[in-house]
Amino acid sequence: MSGTHRGFAIITFVMYVADSEVESFLTQERFFEGIAEILEVDAASLSAETRFRDVTDTWSSMTGFAMIIFLEDSFGVSLDPDHFTSLDTLGELYSLALPDAPLKASGVK
């Protein structure tokens, strides 16, 4: 492979990795913003460790169903309500919604 082609391949790879990181961040941001809207809190206050049922005093089964519907509509994740009730943190929900997108930072800025 000539130097020019090798350089092009490296630049293409770097651009792909950078695009993947940006896409992962935007997906993470969309996840936290969607959950924050449902919970009626600031997205910056949420993290992977957040116990989502404890975030609001108005938690109800309707809030849980809204989160299940959000995951299905936004990320294509079909989550059984019984499985949902076994989850505690936003990190657990995130790993189901986005198994290939590591959670790099807490919440959104």
N, C-alpha and C. Protein backbone atom coordinates (compact mmCIF):
# COMPACT_ATOMS: atom_id res chain seq x y z
N MET A 1 0.86 -1.17 0.00
CA MET A 1 0.00 0.00 0.00
C MET A 1 0.90 1.22 0.00
N SER A 2 0.62 2.14 -0.89
CA SER A 2 1.46 3.32 -0.97
C SER A 2 1.19 4.24 0.21
N GLY A 3 2.11 5.16 0.44
CA GLY A 3 1.99 6.09 1.56
C GLY A 3 0.72 6.92 1.50
N THR A 4 0.32 7.32 0.30
CA THR A 4 -0.89 8.13 0.14
C THR A 4 -2.13 7.33 0.51
N HIS A 5 -2.20 6.09 0.05
CA HIS A 5 -3.36 5.25 0.36
C HIS A 5 -3.42 4.90 1.84
N ARG A 6 -2.25 4.63 2.43
CA ARG A 6 -2.20 4.31 3.85
C ARG A 6 -2.66 5.52 4.67
N GLY A 7 -2.19 6.71 4.28
CA GLY A 7 -2.60 7.94 4.98
C GLY A 7 -4.09 8.15 4.87
N PHE A 8 -4.65 7.91 3.69
CA PHE A 8 -6.09 8.05 3.50
C PHE A 8 -6.86 7.07 4.37
N ALA A 9 -6.37 5.82 4.46
CA ALA A 9 -7.02 4.81 5.28
C ALA A 9 -6.99 5.21 6.75
N ILE A 10 -5.87 5.75 7.21
CA ILE A 10 -5.77 6.18 8.61
C ILE A 10 -6.73 7.34 8.87
N ILE A 11 -6.76 8.31 8.00
CA ILE A 11 -7.67 9.46 8.17
C ILE A 11 -9.11 8.98 8.17
N THR A 12 -9.46 8.07 7.27
CA THR A 12 -10.83 7.55 7.22
C THR A 12 -11.18 6.83 8.51
N PHE A 13 -10.24 6.04 9.05
CA PHE A 13 -10.48 5.33 10.31
C PHE A 13 -10.68 6.32 11.45
N VAL A 14 -9.83 7.32 11.53
CA VAL A 14 -9.94 8.34 12.59
C VAL A 14 -11.27 9.07 12.48
N MET A 15 -11.68 9.41 11.28
CA MET A 15 -12.96 10.09 11.09
C MET A 15 -14.11 9.18 11.52
N TYR A 16 -14.02 7.88 11.21
CA TYR A 16 -15.05 6.93 11.61
C TYR A 16 -15.13 6.83 13.13
N VAL A 17 -13.98 6.72 13.79
CA VAL A 17 -13.97 6.64 15.26
C VAL A 17 -14.54 7.92 15.85
N ALA A 18 -14.15 9.06 15.34
CA ALA A 18 -14.66 10.34 15.85
C ALA A 18 -16.17 10.42 15.63
N ASP A 19 -16.65 10.03 14.46
CA ASP A 19 -18.09 10.04 14.19
C ASP A 19 -18.82 9.10 15.14
N SER A 20 -18.25 7.93 15.43
CA SER A 20 -18.86 6.98 16.34
C SER A 20 -18.97 7.56 17.74
N GLU A 21 -17.92 8.25 18.19
CA GLU A 21 -17.95 8.86 19.52
C GLU A 21 -18.98 9.98 19.59
N VAL A 22 -19.07 10.79 18.54
CA VAL A 22 -20.07 11.85 18.51
C VAL A 22 -21.47 11.25 18.51
N GLU A 23 -21.69 10.22 17.69
CA GLU A 23 -22.99 9.56 17.64
C GLU A 23 -23.34 8.94 18.99
N SER A 24 -22.35 8.32 19.64
CA SER A 24 -22.58 7.74 20.95
C SER A 24 -22.96 8.80 21.96
N PHE A 25 -22.28 9.95 21.93
CA PHE A 25 -22.60 11.03 22.85
C PHE A 25 -23.99 11.57 22.59
N LEU A 26 -24.35 11.76 21.31
CA LEU A 26 -25.67 12.29 20.99
C LEU A 26 -26.76 11.31 21.41
N THR A 27 -26.51 10.02 21.25
CA THR A 27 -27.47 9.01 21.66
C THR A 27 -27.61 9.01 23.18
N GLN A 28 -26.49 9.13 23.88
CA GLN A 28 -26.50 9.20 25.34
C GLN A 28 -27.26 10.44 25.79
N GLU A 29 -27.00 11.55 25.14
CA GLU A 29 -27.69 12.80 25.48
C GLU A 29 -29.19 12.65 25.25
N ARG A 30 -29.58 12.04 24.15
CA ARG A 30 -30.99 11.83 23.85
C ARG A 30 -31.63 10.93 24.91
N PHE A 31 -30.91 9.90 25.36
CA PHE A 31 -31.40 9.01 26.40
C PHE A 31 -31.70 9.80 27.68
N PHE A 32 -30.70 10.54 28.17
CA PHE A 32 -30.88 11.27 29.42
C PHE A 32 -31.92 12.38 29.30
N GLU A 33 -31.97 13.06 28.17
CA GLU A 33 -32.96 14.12 28.01
C GLU A 33 -34.37 13.55 27.96
N GLY A 34 -34.54 12.41 27.30
CA GLY A 34 -35.86 11.77 27.24
C GLY A 34 -36.32 11.31 28.62
N ILE A 35 -35.43 10.69 29.37
CA ILE A 35 -35.76 10.25 30.72
C ILE A 35 -36.06 11.45 31.61
N ALA A 36 -35.25 12.50 31.49
CA ALA A 36 -35.45 13.71 32.30
C ALA A 36 -36.82 14.33 32.02
N GLU A 37 -37.22 14.33 30.77
CA GLU A 37 -38.54 14.88 30.42
C GLU A 37 -39.65 14.07 31.09
N ILE A 38 -39.53 12.77 31.06
CA ILE A 38 -40.54 11.91 31.68
C ILE A 38 -40.58 12.13 33.19
N LEU A 39 -39.40 12.22 33.80
CA LEU A 39 -39.31 12.38 35.26
C LEU A 39 -39.51 13.83 35.71
N GLU A 40 -39.54 14.74 34.74
CA GLU A 40 -39.71 16.17 35.00
C GLU A 40 -38.59 16.71 35.89
N VAL A 41 -37.35 16.39 35.49
CA VAL A 41 -36.16 16.88 36.18
C VAL A 41 -35.16 17.38 35.14
N ASP A 42 -34.11 18.04 35.61
CA ASP A 42 -33.03 18.50 34.74
C ASP A 42 -32.16 17.31 34.35
N ALA A 43 -31.89 17.16 33.07
CA ALA A 43 -31.08 16.03 32.59
C ALA A 43 -29.69 16.02 33.21
N ALA A 44 -29.14 17.18 33.52
CA ALA A 44 -27.81 17.25 34.12
C ALA A 44 -27.77 16.64 35.51
N SER A 45 -28.93 16.47 36.13
CA SER A 45 -28.97 15.88 37.47
C SER A 45 -28.97 14.36 37.44
N LEU A 46 -29.03 13.77 36.26
CA LEU A 46 -29.12 12.32 36.12
C LEU A 46 -27.75 11.72 35.79
N SER A 47 -27.54 10.49 36.24
CA SER A 47 -26.31 9.77 35.92
C SER A 47 -26.65 8.28 35.84
N ALA A 48 -25.66 7.49 35.50
CA ALA A 48 -25.87 6.04 35.41
C ALA A 48 -26.28 5.46 36.76
N GLU A 49 -25.83 6.07 37.84
CA GLU A 49 -26.12 5.57 39.18
C GLU A 49 -27.48 6.02 39.72
N THR A 50 -28.14 6.92 39.00
CA THR A 50 -29.43 7.44 39.47
C THR A 50 -30.45 6.32 39.58
N ARG A 51 -31.05 6.21 40.75
CA ARG A 51 -32.15 5.26 40.97
C ARG A 51 -33.42 6.00 40.53
N PHE A 52 -33.90 5.65 39.34
CA PHE A 52 -34.92 6.46 38.69
C PHE A 52 -36.23 6.56 39.46
N ARG A 53 -36.58 5.60 40.25
CA ARG A 53 -37.82 5.69 41.03
C ARG A 53 -37.71 6.68 42.19
N ASP A 54 -36.48 7.00 42.58
CA ASP A 54 -36.25 7.90 43.71
C ASP A 54 -36.09 9.35 43.30
N VAL A 55 -36.07 9.63 42.01
CA VAL A 55 -35.81 10.98 41.51
C VAL A 55 -36.99 11.92 41.76
N THR A 56 -38.17 11.38 41.74
CA THR A 56 -39.36 12.22 41.85
C THR A 56 -40.30 11.68 42.91
N ASP A 57 -41.01 12.61 43.54
CA ASP A 57 -42.00 12.21 44.55
C ASP A 57 -43.29 11.73 43.90
N THR A 58 -43.41 11.93 42.60
CA THR A 58 -44.65 11.59 41.91
C THR A 58 -44.53 10.31 41.08
N TRP A 59 -43.59 9.42 41.45
CA TRP A 59 -43.42 8.18 40.70
C TRP A 59 -44.72 7.37 40.75
N SER A 60 -45.09 6.82 39.60
CA SER A 60 -46.27 5.96 39.53
C SER A 60 -46.05 4.93 38.43
N SER A 61 -46.97 4.00 38.34
CA SER A 61 -46.86 3.00 37.28
C SER A 61 -46.95 3.66 35.91
N MET A 62 -47.65 4.77 35.81
CA MET A 62 -47.74 5.50 34.53
C MET A 62 -46.38 6.07 34.14
N THR A 63 -45.61 6.52 35.11
CA THR A 63 -44.25 7.00 34.84
C THR A 63 -43.42 5.84 34.29
N GLY A 64 -43.53 4.68 34.91
CA GLY A 64 -42.81 3.50 34.44
C GLY A 64 -43.20 3.13 33.03
N PHE A 65 -44.49 3.15 32.74
CA PHE A 65 -44.94 2.83 31.38
C PHE A 65 -44.45 3.87 30.37
N ALA A 66 -44.40 5.12 30.78
CA ALA A 66 -43.87 6.17 29.89
C ALA A 66 -42.41 5.89 29.55
N MET A 67 -41.64 5.43 30.54
CA MET A 67 -40.24 5.10 30.29
C MET A 67 -40.11 3.90 29.36
N ILE A 68 -40.94 2.89 29.56
CA ILE A 68 -40.93 1.71 28.68
C ILE A 68 -41.26 2.11 27.25
N ILE A 69 -42.26 2.94 27.08
CA ILE A 69 -42.66 3.39 25.74
C ILE A 69 -41.55 4.24 25.11
N PHE A 70 -40.93 5.10 25.91
CA PHE A 70 -39.82 5.92 25.42
C PHE A 70 -38.69 5.02 24.89
N LEU A 71 -38.32 3.99 25.64
CA LEU A 71 -37.26 3.09 25.21
C LEU A 71 -37.62 2.37 23.91
N GLU A 72 -38.88 1.98 23.80
CA GLU A 72 -39.30 1.29 22.58
C GLU A 72 -39.34 2.23 21.39
N ASP A 73 -39.94 3.40 21.57
CA ASP A 73 -40.06 4.36 20.46
C ASP A 73 -38.72 4.95 20.04
N SER A 74 -37.88 5.26 21.00
CA SER A 74 -36.62 5.95 20.69
C SER A 74 -35.47 5.02 20.34
N PHE A 75 -35.46 3.82 20.92
CA PHE A 75 -34.30 2.94 20.76
C PHE A 75 -34.66 1.54 20.27
N GLY A 76 -35.95 1.28 20.04
CA GLY A 76 -36.37 -0.02 19.52
C GLY A 76 -36.27 -1.16 20.52
N VAL A 77 -36.25 -0.83 21.80
CA VAL A 77 -36.12 -1.84 22.85
C VAL A 77 -37.50 -2.20 23.37
N SER A 78 -37.84 -3.46 23.24
CA SER A 78 -39.11 -3.95 23.77
C SER A 78 -38.82 -4.53 25.15
N LEU A 79 -39.33 -3.87 26.16
CA LEU A 79 -39.02 -4.24 27.54
C LEU A 79 -40.29 -4.70 28.24
N ASP A 80 -40.25 -5.93 28.72
CA ASP A 80 -41.36 -6.49 29.46
C ASP A 80 -41.53 -5.73 30.79
N PRO A 81 -42.76 -5.37 31.15
CA PRO A 81 -42.97 -4.64 32.42
C PRO A 81 -42.40 -5.37 33.64
N ASP A 82 -42.45 -6.70 33.66
CA ASP A 82 -41.88 -7.45 34.78
C ASP A 82 -40.36 -7.28 34.85
N HIS A 83 -39.72 -7.27 33.69
CA HIS A 83 -38.27 -7.04 33.65
C HIS A 83 -37.97 -5.61 34.11
N PHE A 84 -38.76 -4.66 33.65
CA PHE A 84 -38.57 -3.27 34.03
C PHE A 84 -38.61 -3.10 35.55
N THR A 85 -39.53 -3.78 36.20
CA THR A 85 -39.65 -3.62 37.65
C THR A 85 -38.43 -4.17 38.40
N SER A 86 -37.63 -5.00 37.74
CA SER A 86 -36.43 -5.54 38.39
C SER A 86 -35.23 -4.59 38.26
N LEU A 87 -35.37 -3.54 37.47
CA LEU A 87 -34.28 -2.59 37.24
C LEU A 87 -34.36 -1.45 38.23
N ASP A 88 -33.19 -0.91 38.61
CA ASP A 88 -33.16 0.18 39.59
C ASP A 88 -32.53 1.46 39.08
N THR A 89 -31.50 1.35 38.25
CA THR A 89 -30.74 2.54 37.88
C THR A 89 -30.87 2.88 36.40
N LEU A 90 -30.56 4.13 36.09
CA LEU A 90 -30.57 4.55 34.69
C LEU A 90 -29.48 3.84 33.90
N GLY A 91 -28.39 3.48 34.55
CA GLY A 91 -27.33 2.73 33.88
C GLY A 91 -27.83 1.38 33.38
N GLU A 92 -28.66 0.73 34.18
CA GLU A 92 -29.24 -0.56 33.76
C GLU A 92 -30.16 -0.36 32.56
N LEU A 93 -30.97 0.68 32.58
CA LEU A 93 -31.85 0.97 31.44
C LEU A 93 -31.03 1.31 30.20
N TYR A 94 -30.00 2.12 30.40
CA TYR A 94 -29.15 2.54 29.29
C TYR A 94 -28.49 1.34 28.62
N SER A 95 -28.00 0.39 29.44
CA SER A 95 -27.33 -0.78 28.86
C SER A 95 -28.29 -1.65 28.06
N LEU A 96 -29.56 -1.62 28.39
CA LEU A 96 -30.55 -2.35 27.59
C LEU A 96 -30.87 -1.60 26.30
N ALA A 97 -30.99 -0.28 26.42
CA ALA A 97 -31.33 0.53 25.26
C ALA A 97 -30.18 0.65 24.28
N LEU A 98 -28.97 0.76 24.80
CA LEU A 98 -27.80 1.02 23.97
C LEU A 98 -26.63 0.11 24.37
N PRO A 99 -26.75 -1.19 24.13
CA PRO A 99 -25.70 -2.12 24.60
C PRO A 99 -24.33 -1.88 23.95
N ASP A 100 -24.31 -1.28 22.77
CA ASP A 100 -23.03 -1.06 22.07
C ASP A 100 -22.49 0.35 22.26
N ALA A 101 -23.17 1.18 23.05
CA ALA A 101 -22.73 2.55 23.27
C ALA A 101 -22.38 2.73 24.74
N PRO A 102 -21.10 2.65 25.06
CA PRO A 102 -20.71 2.78 26.46
C PRO A 102 -21.10 4.13 27.04
N LEU A 103 -21.48 4.13 28.27
CA LEU A 103 -21.85 5.34 28.98
C LEU A 103 -20.56 6.02 29.40
N LYS A 104 -20.22 7.14 28.73
CA LYS A 104 -18.93 7.77 28.94
C LYS A 104 -18.93 8.85 30.00
N ALA A 105 -20.05 9.50 30.20
CA ALA A 105 -20.10 10.60 31.18
C ALA A 105 -21.47 10.55 31.84
N SER A 106 -21.53 11.12 32.99
CA SER A 106 -22.80 11.14 33.71
C SER A 106 -23.67 12.27 33.19
N GLY A 107 -24.92 11.95 32.92
CA GLY A 107 -25.88 12.97 32.51
C GLY A 107 -25.47 13.66 31.24
N VAL A 108 -25.97 14.87 31.08
CA VAL A 108 -25.64 15.70 29.93
C VAL A 108 -25.26 17.07 30.44
N LYS A 109 -24.53 17.77 29.64
CA LYS A 109 -24.10 19.12 30.01
C LYS A 109 -25.02 20.14 29.41
